[in-house]
N, C-alpha and C. Protein backbone atom coordinates (compact mmCIF):
# COMPACT_ATOMS: atom_id res chain seq x y z
N MET A 1 42.35 -43.78 -4.19
CA MET A 1 41.91 -42.68 -3.38
C MET A 1 40.45 -42.39 -3.72
N ARG A 2 39.78 -42.16 -2.70
CA ARG A 2 38.36 -41.91 -2.86
C ARG A 2 38.10 -40.43 -3.06
N ILE A 3 37.31 -40.08 -4.04
CA ILE A 3 36.97 -38.68 -4.33
C ILE A 3 35.62 -38.37 -3.70
N ARG A 4 35.64 -37.30 -2.95
CA ARG A 4 34.38 -36.90 -2.32
C ARG A 4 33.53 -36.12 -3.31
N ARG A 5 32.32 -36.46 -3.32
CA ARG A 5 31.39 -35.70 -4.15
C ARG A 5 30.73 -34.63 -3.29
N ARG A 6 30.58 -33.49 -3.90
CA ARG A 6 29.87 -32.43 -3.16
C ARG A 6 28.39 -32.75 -3.18
N ASN A 7 27.83 -32.56 -2.07
CA ASN A 7 26.39 -32.78 -1.97
C ASN A 7 25.69 -31.62 -2.69
N SER A 8 24.87 -31.91 -3.64
CA SER A 8 24.20 -30.85 -4.41
C SER A 8 23.22 -30.06 -3.56
N HIS A 9 22.81 -30.63 -2.42
CA HIS A 9 21.86 -29.95 -1.55
C HIS A 9 22.55 -29.02 -0.55
N ALA A 10 23.82 -29.10 -0.44
CA ALA A 10 24.54 -28.33 0.59
C ALA A 10 25.03 -27.00 0.00
N SER A 11 24.16 -26.18 -0.38
CA SER A 11 24.56 -24.84 -0.82
C SER A 11 24.65 -23.95 0.41
N GLY A 12 25.18 -22.76 0.28
CA GLY A 12 25.39 -21.87 1.41
C GLY A 12 24.11 -21.38 2.06
N PHE A 13 22.99 -21.50 1.39
CA PHE A 13 21.74 -20.96 1.91
C PHE A 13 21.14 -21.84 2.99
N GLU A 14 21.38 -23.09 2.95
CA GLU A 14 20.80 -23.98 3.95
C GLU A 14 21.49 -23.85 5.30
N ALA A 15 22.68 -23.30 5.31
CA ALA A 15 23.42 -23.19 6.56
C ALA A 15 22.99 -21.96 7.37
N VAL A 16 22.21 -21.06 6.78
CA VAL A 16 21.78 -19.85 7.48
C VAL A 16 20.57 -20.17 8.34
N ASN A 17 20.67 -19.85 9.61
CA ASN A 17 19.56 -20.06 10.54
C ASN A 17 18.74 -18.76 10.57
N ALA A 18 17.53 -18.81 10.10
CA ALA A 18 16.69 -17.61 10.00
C ALA A 18 15.91 -17.29 11.27
N THR A 19 15.94 -18.15 12.25
CA THR A 19 15.17 -17.94 13.48
C THR A 19 15.57 -16.65 14.21
N PRO A 20 16.86 -16.37 14.42
CA PRO A 20 17.21 -15.11 15.08
C PRO A 20 16.80 -13.89 14.26
N LEU A 21 16.87 -14.01 12.94
CA LEU A 21 16.46 -12.91 12.08
C LEU A 21 14.97 -12.63 12.24
N ILE A 22 14.16 -13.65 12.31
CA ILE A 22 12.73 -13.49 12.50
C ILE A 22 12.44 -12.86 13.86
N ASP A 23 13.19 -13.27 14.89
CA ASP A 23 13.02 -12.68 16.22
C ASP A 23 13.32 -11.19 16.20
N VAL A 24 14.37 -10.80 15.52
CA VAL A 24 14.73 -9.38 15.44
C VAL A 24 13.66 -8.60 14.69
N VAL A 25 13.17 -9.14 13.61
CA VAL A 25 12.12 -8.46 12.84
C VAL A 25 10.85 -8.30 13.68
N MET A 26 10.48 -9.32 14.43
CA MET A 26 9.30 -9.21 15.29
C MET A 26 9.49 -8.15 16.37
N CYS A 27 10.68 -8.07 16.95
CA CYS A 27 10.96 -7.03 17.95
C CYS A 27 10.86 -5.64 17.33
N LEU A 28 11.35 -5.48 16.12
CA LEU A 28 11.24 -4.18 15.44
C LEU A 28 9.79 -3.81 15.15
N ILE A 29 9.00 -4.78 14.74
CA ILE A 29 7.59 -4.51 14.47
C ILE A 29 6.89 -4.06 15.75
N ILE A 30 7.12 -4.77 16.84
CA ILE A 30 6.49 -4.39 18.12
C ILE A 30 6.97 -3.02 18.56
N PHE A 31 8.26 -2.74 18.42
CA PHE A 31 8.80 -1.43 18.79
C PHE A 31 8.10 -0.31 18.02
N PHE A 32 7.96 -0.45 16.71
CA PHE A 32 7.36 0.61 15.91
C PHE A 32 5.86 0.74 16.17
N LEU A 33 5.19 -0.35 16.50
CA LEU A 33 3.78 -0.26 16.88
C LEU A 33 3.61 0.55 18.17
N ILE A 34 4.47 0.30 19.14
CA ILE A 34 4.39 1.02 20.41
C ILE A 34 4.73 2.48 20.22
N VAL A 35 5.79 2.78 19.48
CA VAL A 35 6.18 4.17 19.23
C VAL A 35 5.09 4.90 18.45
N GLY A 36 4.49 4.23 17.50
CA GLY A 36 3.39 4.83 16.75
C GLY A 36 2.20 5.17 17.63
N GLN A 37 1.92 4.31 18.59
CA GLN A 37 0.81 4.57 19.52
C GLN A 37 1.12 5.78 20.39
N PHE A 38 2.36 5.91 20.85
CA PHE A 38 2.74 7.08 21.65
C PHE A 38 2.63 8.35 20.82
N ALA A 39 3.02 8.28 19.55
CA ALA A 39 2.94 9.46 18.70
C ALA A 39 1.49 9.86 18.45
N ALA A 40 0.60 8.89 18.36
CA ALA A 40 -0.81 9.19 18.14
C ALA A 40 -1.44 9.83 19.37
N ASN A 41 -0.94 9.52 20.55
CA ASN A 41 -1.48 10.06 21.79
C ASN A 41 -0.67 11.26 22.27
N ARG A 42 -0.23 12.09 21.35
CA ARG A 42 0.58 13.23 21.75
C ARG A 42 -0.26 14.25 22.51
N GLY A 43 0.41 15.07 23.27
CA GLY A 43 -0.28 16.14 23.98
C GLY A 43 -0.80 15.71 25.34
N MET A 44 -1.52 16.62 25.96
CA MET A 44 -2.07 16.38 27.29
C MET A 44 -3.16 15.32 27.22
N ARG A 45 -3.25 14.56 28.28
CA ARG A 45 -4.31 13.56 28.38
C ARG A 45 -5.52 14.23 29.01
N VAL A 46 -6.65 14.12 28.36
CA VAL A 46 -7.89 14.67 28.89
C VAL A 46 -8.98 13.61 28.81
N ASN A 47 -9.92 13.68 29.74
CA ASN A 47 -11.09 12.81 29.71
C ASN A 47 -12.17 13.55 28.94
N LEU A 48 -12.44 13.11 27.73
CA LEU A 48 -13.42 13.79 26.89
C LEU A 48 -14.83 13.50 27.37
N PRO A 49 -15.75 14.44 27.15
CA PRO A 49 -17.15 14.16 27.48
C PRO A 49 -17.70 13.07 26.55
N ALA A 50 -18.67 12.34 27.03
CA ALA A 50 -19.25 11.24 26.25
C ALA A 50 -20.45 11.74 25.45
N ALA A 51 -20.64 11.18 24.26
CA ALA A 51 -21.78 11.53 23.41
C ALA A 51 -22.28 10.28 22.71
N GLY A 52 -23.58 10.21 22.53
CA GLY A 52 -24.17 9.06 21.86
C GLY A 52 -24.27 9.23 20.36
N SER A 53 -24.13 10.45 19.88
CA SER A 53 -24.23 10.68 18.44
C SER A 53 -23.14 11.66 18.04
N GLY A 54 -22.97 11.82 16.75
CA GLY A 54 -21.97 12.73 16.23
C GLY A 54 -21.34 12.16 14.98
N ARG A 55 -20.43 12.94 14.39
CA ARG A 55 -19.76 12.53 13.17
C ARG A 55 -18.26 12.56 13.38
N ASP A 56 -17.57 11.70 12.65
CA ASP A 56 -16.11 11.73 12.66
C ASP A 56 -15.64 12.92 11.84
N GLU A 57 -14.46 13.41 12.17
CA GLU A 57 -13.88 14.55 11.46
C GLU A 57 -13.53 14.11 10.04
N SER A 58 -13.96 14.89 9.06
CA SER A 58 -13.70 14.53 7.66
C SER A 58 -12.69 15.45 7.00
N SER A 59 -12.28 16.50 7.68
CA SER A 59 -11.33 17.45 7.11
C SER A 59 -9.94 16.82 7.03
N SER A 60 -9.20 17.17 6.00
CA SER A 60 -7.85 16.62 5.85
C SER A 60 -6.84 17.35 6.73
N THR A 61 -7.11 18.61 7.06
CA THR A 61 -6.22 19.39 7.90
C THR A 61 -6.95 19.79 9.18
N ILE A 62 -6.46 19.28 10.30
CA ILE A 62 -7.10 19.54 11.58
C ILE A 62 -6.09 20.17 12.53
N MET A 63 -6.49 21.23 13.19
CA MET A 63 -5.68 21.84 14.25
C MET A 63 -6.33 21.46 15.57
N VAL A 64 -5.61 20.72 16.41
CA VAL A 64 -6.15 20.22 17.66
C VAL A 64 -5.76 21.15 18.80
N ILE A 65 -6.77 21.66 19.50
CA ILE A 65 -6.58 22.52 20.66
C ILE A 65 -7.03 21.72 21.87
N THR A 66 -6.11 21.44 22.80
CA THR A 66 -6.41 20.65 23.98
C THR A 66 -6.50 21.57 25.18
N VAL A 67 -7.61 21.45 25.92
CA VAL A 67 -7.84 22.28 27.11
C VAL A 67 -7.97 21.34 28.30
N ALA A 68 -7.04 21.47 29.25
CA ALA A 68 -7.05 20.65 30.46
C ALA A 68 -7.09 21.56 31.67
N SER A 69 -7.41 21.00 32.82
CA SER A 69 -7.42 21.81 34.03
C SER A 69 -5.99 22.22 34.36
N ALA A 70 -5.83 23.42 34.88
CA ALA A 70 -4.51 23.94 35.18
C ALA A 70 -3.81 23.10 36.24
N GLY A 71 -4.56 22.59 37.20
CA GLY A 71 -3.97 21.77 38.25
C GLY A 71 -3.34 20.51 37.69
N ALA A 72 -4.02 19.85 36.77
CA ALA A 72 -3.49 18.63 36.16
C ALA A 72 -2.26 18.94 35.31
N ALA A 73 -2.28 20.06 34.60
CA ALA A 73 -1.15 20.44 33.76
C ALA A 73 0.06 20.80 34.60
N LEU A 74 -0.15 21.53 35.69
CA LEU A 74 0.97 21.90 36.55
C LEU A 74 1.54 20.67 37.25
N ALA A 75 0.67 19.73 37.62
CA ALA A 75 1.13 18.50 38.26
C ALA A 75 1.96 17.66 37.29
N ALA A 76 1.67 17.79 35.98
CA ALA A 76 2.42 17.05 34.96
C ALA A 76 3.73 17.74 34.62
N GLY A 77 4.02 18.86 35.27
CA GLY A 77 5.30 19.54 35.07
C GLY A 77 5.28 20.61 33.99
N GLN A 78 4.11 21.03 33.54
CA GLN A 78 4.05 22.08 32.53
C GLN A 78 4.18 23.44 33.20
N PRO A 79 4.76 24.41 32.49
CA PRO A 79 4.96 25.73 33.09
C PRO A 79 3.65 26.48 33.28
N ALA A 80 3.66 27.41 34.21
CA ALA A 80 2.48 28.25 34.46
C ALA A 80 2.31 29.24 33.30
N THR A 81 1.06 29.48 32.92
CA THR A 81 0.75 30.43 31.84
C THR A 81 -0.37 31.34 32.30
N SER A 82 -0.70 32.32 31.46
CA SER A 82 -1.80 33.23 31.83
C SER A 82 -3.15 32.53 31.78
N TRP A 83 -3.24 31.38 31.11
CA TRP A 83 -4.48 30.62 31.10
C TRP A 83 -4.79 30.07 32.48
N ASN A 84 -3.75 29.91 33.31
CA ASN A 84 -3.95 29.33 34.65
C ASN A 84 -4.89 30.18 35.50
N ALA A 85 -4.98 31.48 35.22
CA ALA A 85 -5.90 32.34 35.96
C ALA A 85 -7.35 31.91 35.70
N GLN A 86 -7.63 31.38 34.50
CA GLN A 86 -8.96 30.88 34.19
C GLN A 86 -9.12 29.42 34.60
N GLY A 87 -8.06 28.83 35.14
CA GLY A 87 -8.13 27.46 35.61
C GLY A 87 -7.86 26.41 34.55
N VAL A 88 -7.27 26.80 33.42
CA VAL A 88 -7.01 25.85 32.34
C VAL A 88 -5.57 25.96 31.85
N SER A 89 -5.16 24.96 31.11
CA SER A 89 -3.89 24.96 30.39
C SER A 89 -4.23 24.58 28.95
N VAL A 90 -3.62 25.27 27.98
CA VAL A 90 -4.00 25.09 26.57
C VAL A 90 -2.79 24.66 25.75
N GLU A 91 -3.00 23.64 24.92
CA GLU A 91 -1.99 23.18 23.97
C GLU A 91 -2.57 23.23 22.56
N VAL A 92 -1.72 23.59 21.61
CA VAL A 92 -2.11 23.56 20.20
C VAL A 92 -1.16 22.60 19.49
N ASP A 93 -1.70 21.51 18.99
CA ASP A 93 -0.92 20.47 18.31
C ASP A 93 0.30 20.06 19.12
N GLY A 94 0.12 19.91 20.44
CA GLY A 94 1.19 19.43 21.30
C GLY A 94 2.10 20.50 21.88
N GLN A 95 1.92 21.76 21.47
CA GLN A 95 2.74 22.86 21.97
C GLN A 95 1.93 23.72 22.92
N ILE A 96 2.49 24.07 24.08
CA ILE A 96 1.78 24.88 25.06
C ILE A 96 1.65 26.31 24.54
N VAL A 97 0.45 26.86 24.69
CA VAL A 97 0.17 28.23 24.29
C VAL A 97 0.06 29.06 25.57
N PRO A 98 0.87 30.13 25.70
CA PRO A 98 0.90 30.86 26.97
C PRO A 98 -0.32 31.71 27.26
N ASP A 99 -0.97 32.24 26.20
CA ASP A 99 -2.10 33.16 26.44
C ASP A 99 -3.02 33.19 25.23
N ALA A 100 -4.11 33.97 25.35
CA ALA A 100 -5.10 34.06 24.27
C ALA A 100 -4.49 34.66 23.00
N ALA A 101 -3.61 35.65 23.15
CA ALA A 101 -2.97 36.26 21.98
C ALA A 101 -2.12 35.22 21.23
N GLY A 102 -1.45 34.36 21.96
CA GLY A 102 -0.67 33.30 21.32
C GLY A 102 -1.54 32.33 20.56
N LEU A 103 -2.71 32.01 21.10
CA LEU A 103 -3.66 31.13 20.41
C LEU A 103 -4.20 31.80 19.15
N GLU A 104 -4.55 33.08 19.25
CA GLU A 104 -5.03 33.82 18.07
C GLU A 104 -3.97 33.83 16.98
N ASN A 105 -2.72 34.08 17.34
CA ASN A 105 -1.64 34.11 16.35
C ASN A 105 -1.43 32.74 15.71
N ALA A 106 -1.53 31.68 16.50
CA ALA A 106 -1.38 30.33 15.95
C ALA A 106 -2.49 30.02 14.96
N VAL A 107 -3.73 30.47 15.27
CA VAL A 107 -4.86 30.24 14.36
C VAL A 107 -4.66 31.03 13.07
N ARG A 108 -4.25 32.28 13.20
CA ARG A 108 -4.02 33.10 12.00
C ARG A 108 -2.94 32.49 11.12
N ALA A 109 -1.85 32.05 11.73
CA ALA A 109 -0.76 31.46 10.96
C ALA A 109 -1.22 30.18 10.25
N GLN A 110 -2.02 29.38 10.92
CA GLN A 110 -2.53 28.16 10.31
C GLN A 110 -3.45 28.48 9.14
N LEU A 111 -4.32 29.49 9.31
CA LEU A 111 -5.25 29.85 8.24
C LEU A 111 -4.54 30.49 7.05
N LEU A 112 -3.43 31.17 7.29
CA LEU A 112 -2.66 31.73 6.17
C LEU A 112 -2.04 30.60 5.35
N GLY A 113 -1.59 29.56 6.02
CA GLY A 113 -0.99 28.42 5.32
C GLY A 113 -2.03 27.55 4.63
N ILE A 114 -3.08 27.18 5.36
CA ILE A 114 -4.13 26.31 4.82
C ILE A 114 -5.47 26.88 5.26
N ALA A 115 -6.17 27.51 4.34
CA ALA A 115 -7.42 28.20 4.68
C ALA A 115 -8.54 27.23 5.08
N ALA A 116 -8.48 25.99 4.63
CA ALA A 116 -9.55 25.02 4.91
C ALA A 116 -9.28 24.20 6.17
N THR A 117 -8.59 24.78 7.12
CA THR A 117 -8.27 24.07 8.35
C THR A 117 -9.51 23.93 9.23
N SER A 118 -9.67 22.75 9.80
CA SER A 118 -10.74 22.48 10.75
C SER A 118 -10.15 22.57 12.16
N PHE A 119 -10.86 23.20 13.08
CA PHE A 119 -10.38 23.37 14.45
C PHE A 119 -11.16 22.44 15.37
N GLN A 120 -10.42 21.65 16.13
CA GLN A 120 -11.04 20.67 17.02
C GLN A 120 -10.58 20.96 18.45
N VAL A 121 -11.53 21.22 19.33
CA VAL A 121 -11.23 21.50 20.72
C VAL A 121 -11.48 20.23 21.53
N ARG A 122 -10.44 19.78 22.24
CA ARG A 122 -10.52 18.62 23.12
C ARG A 122 -10.46 19.15 24.55
N ALA A 123 -11.59 19.28 25.19
CA ALA A 123 -11.66 19.82 26.54
C ALA A 123 -12.03 18.72 27.54
N ASP A 124 -11.42 18.80 28.71
CA ASP A 124 -11.69 17.83 29.77
C ASP A 124 -13.14 17.92 30.21
N ARG A 125 -13.76 16.78 30.47
CA ARG A 125 -15.18 16.75 30.84
C ARG A 125 -15.45 17.42 32.17
N GLU A 126 -14.45 17.57 33.03
CA GLU A 126 -14.64 18.17 34.34
C GLU A 126 -14.65 19.70 34.29
N LEU A 127 -14.22 20.27 33.17
CA LEU A 127 -14.16 21.73 33.05
C LEU A 127 -15.55 22.30 32.79
N SER A 128 -15.81 23.47 33.36
CA SER A 128 -17.08 24.16 33.09
C SER A 128 -16.97 24.90 31.76
N TYR A 129 -18.11 25.28 31.21
CA TYR A 129 -18.10 26.03 29.95
C TYR A 129 -17.39 27.37 30.14
N GLY A 130 -17.52 27.97 31.32
CA GLY A 130 -16.86 29.23 31.60
C GLY A 130 -15.35 29.14 31.50
N SER A 131 -14.79 27.96 31.74
CA SER A 131 -13.35 27.77 31.62
C SER A 131 -12.92 27.60 30.17
N VAL A 132 -13.78 27.03 29.35
CA VAL A 132 -13.45 26.77 27.95
C VAL A 132 -13.81 27.96 27.05
N GLU A 133 -14.74 28.78 27.48
CA GLU A 133 -15.23 29.89 26.67
C GLU A 133 -14.13 30.87 26.23
N PRO A 134 -13.15 31.24 27.08
CA PRO A 134 -12.08 32.13 26.59
C PRO A 134 -11.27 31.52 25.45
N VAL A 135 -11.12 30.21 25.46
CA VAL A 135 -10.41 29.53 24.38
C VAL A 135 -11.22 29.62 23.09
N LEU A 136 -12.53 29.40 23.18
CA LEU A 136 -13.39 29.51 22.00
C LEU A 136 -13.41 30.94 21.47
N ARG A 137 -13.43 31.90 22.37
CA ARG A 137 -13.41 33.31 21.95
C ARG A 137 -12.10 33.63 21.23
N ALA A 138 -10.97 33.15 21.75
CA ALA A 138 -9.68 33.40 21.11
C ALA A 138 -9.62 32.74 19.73
N LEU A 139 -10.23 31.57 19.59
CA LEU A 139 -10.28 30.92 18.27
C LEU A 139 -11.07 31.78 17.29
N GLY A 140 -12.21 32.29 17.74
CA GLY A 140 -13.02 33.15 16.87
C GLY A 140 -12.30 34.43 16.49
N GLN A 141 -11.61 35.05 17.44
CA GLN A 141 -10.88 36.28 17.15
C GLN A 141 -9.67 36.02 16.26
N GLY A 142 -9.18 34.78 16.27
CA GLY A 142 -8.08 34.42 15.38
C GLY A 142 -8.53 34.15 13.96
N GLY A 143 -9.84 34.02 13.76
CA GLY A 143 -10.36 33.83 12.40
C GLY A 143 -10.97 32.47 12.14
N ALA A 144 -11.08 31.63 13.14
CA ALA A 144 -11.67 30.31 12.94
C ALA A 144 -13.17 30.46 12.69
N LYS A 145 -13.64 29.95 11.58
CA LYS A 145 -15.06 30.05 11.22
C LYS A 145 -15.88 28.91 11.80
N SER A 146 -15.25 27.75 11.97
CA SER A 146 -15.96 26.58 12.46
C SER A 146 -15.07 25.86 13.47
N VAL A 147 -15.64 25.60 14.63
CA VAL A 147 -14.92 24.90 15.69
C VAL A 147 -15.75 23.69 16.11
N ARG A 148 -15.10 22.53 16.20
CA ARG A 148 -15.77 21.31 16.62
C ARG A 148 -15.27 20.91 17.98
N LEU A 149 -16.18 20.45 18.81
CA LEU A 149 -15.81 19.95 20.14
C LEU A 149 -15.71 18.43 20.08
N ALA A 150 -14.56 17.91 20.49
CA ALA A 150 -14.33 16.47 20.45
C ALA A 150 -15.02 15.80 21.63
N THR A 151 -15.61 14.64 21.36
CA THR A 151 -16.24 13.85 22.41
C THR A 151 -15.82 12.40 22.26
N GLU A 152 -16.09 11.64 23.28
CA GLU A 152 -15.84 10.21 23.26
C GLU A 152 -17.13 9.51 22.89
N ARG A 153 -17.07 8.62 21.93
CA ARG A 153 -18.27 7.94 21.47
C ARG A 153 -18.69 6.87 22.47
N LEU A 154 -19.96 6.89 22.83
CA LEU A 154 -20.52 5.86 23.72
C LEU A 154 -20.69 4.56 22.93
N PRO A 155 -20.51 3.42 23.60
CA PRO A 155 -20.68 2.15 22.87
C PRO A 155 -22.13 1.88 22.52
């Protein structure tokens, strides 16, 4: 009777096909890259004004105030607020703020938690200064000492 010898190369690891596993890992990587991009672009979409000079934000804590035209915000399905009378819609860190008092309270609450907060206003380039000025005034009345206006860097 012939005795079969086990092949020393035939361990259980060689029988595993890693190609489907690599495909799944690549799909997960792509999924998380896309989700991360959506998370980075939170809030209303605005066309920022262009600037040829300026500095990047260096503060570790930034409160982002987005100001868009009321028509664009209402078309996107956002509820009407008292800001709509001035022709704008205002979001603070992705949350809609109904009025100037709400913005002031949000600023005060942020400053109580972290006094070194930097305030960044992202306003649509089509808006006039008169539309953005009530937002800046509410920031000042809320206690913001320094407000930066975000722009798009020219190439």
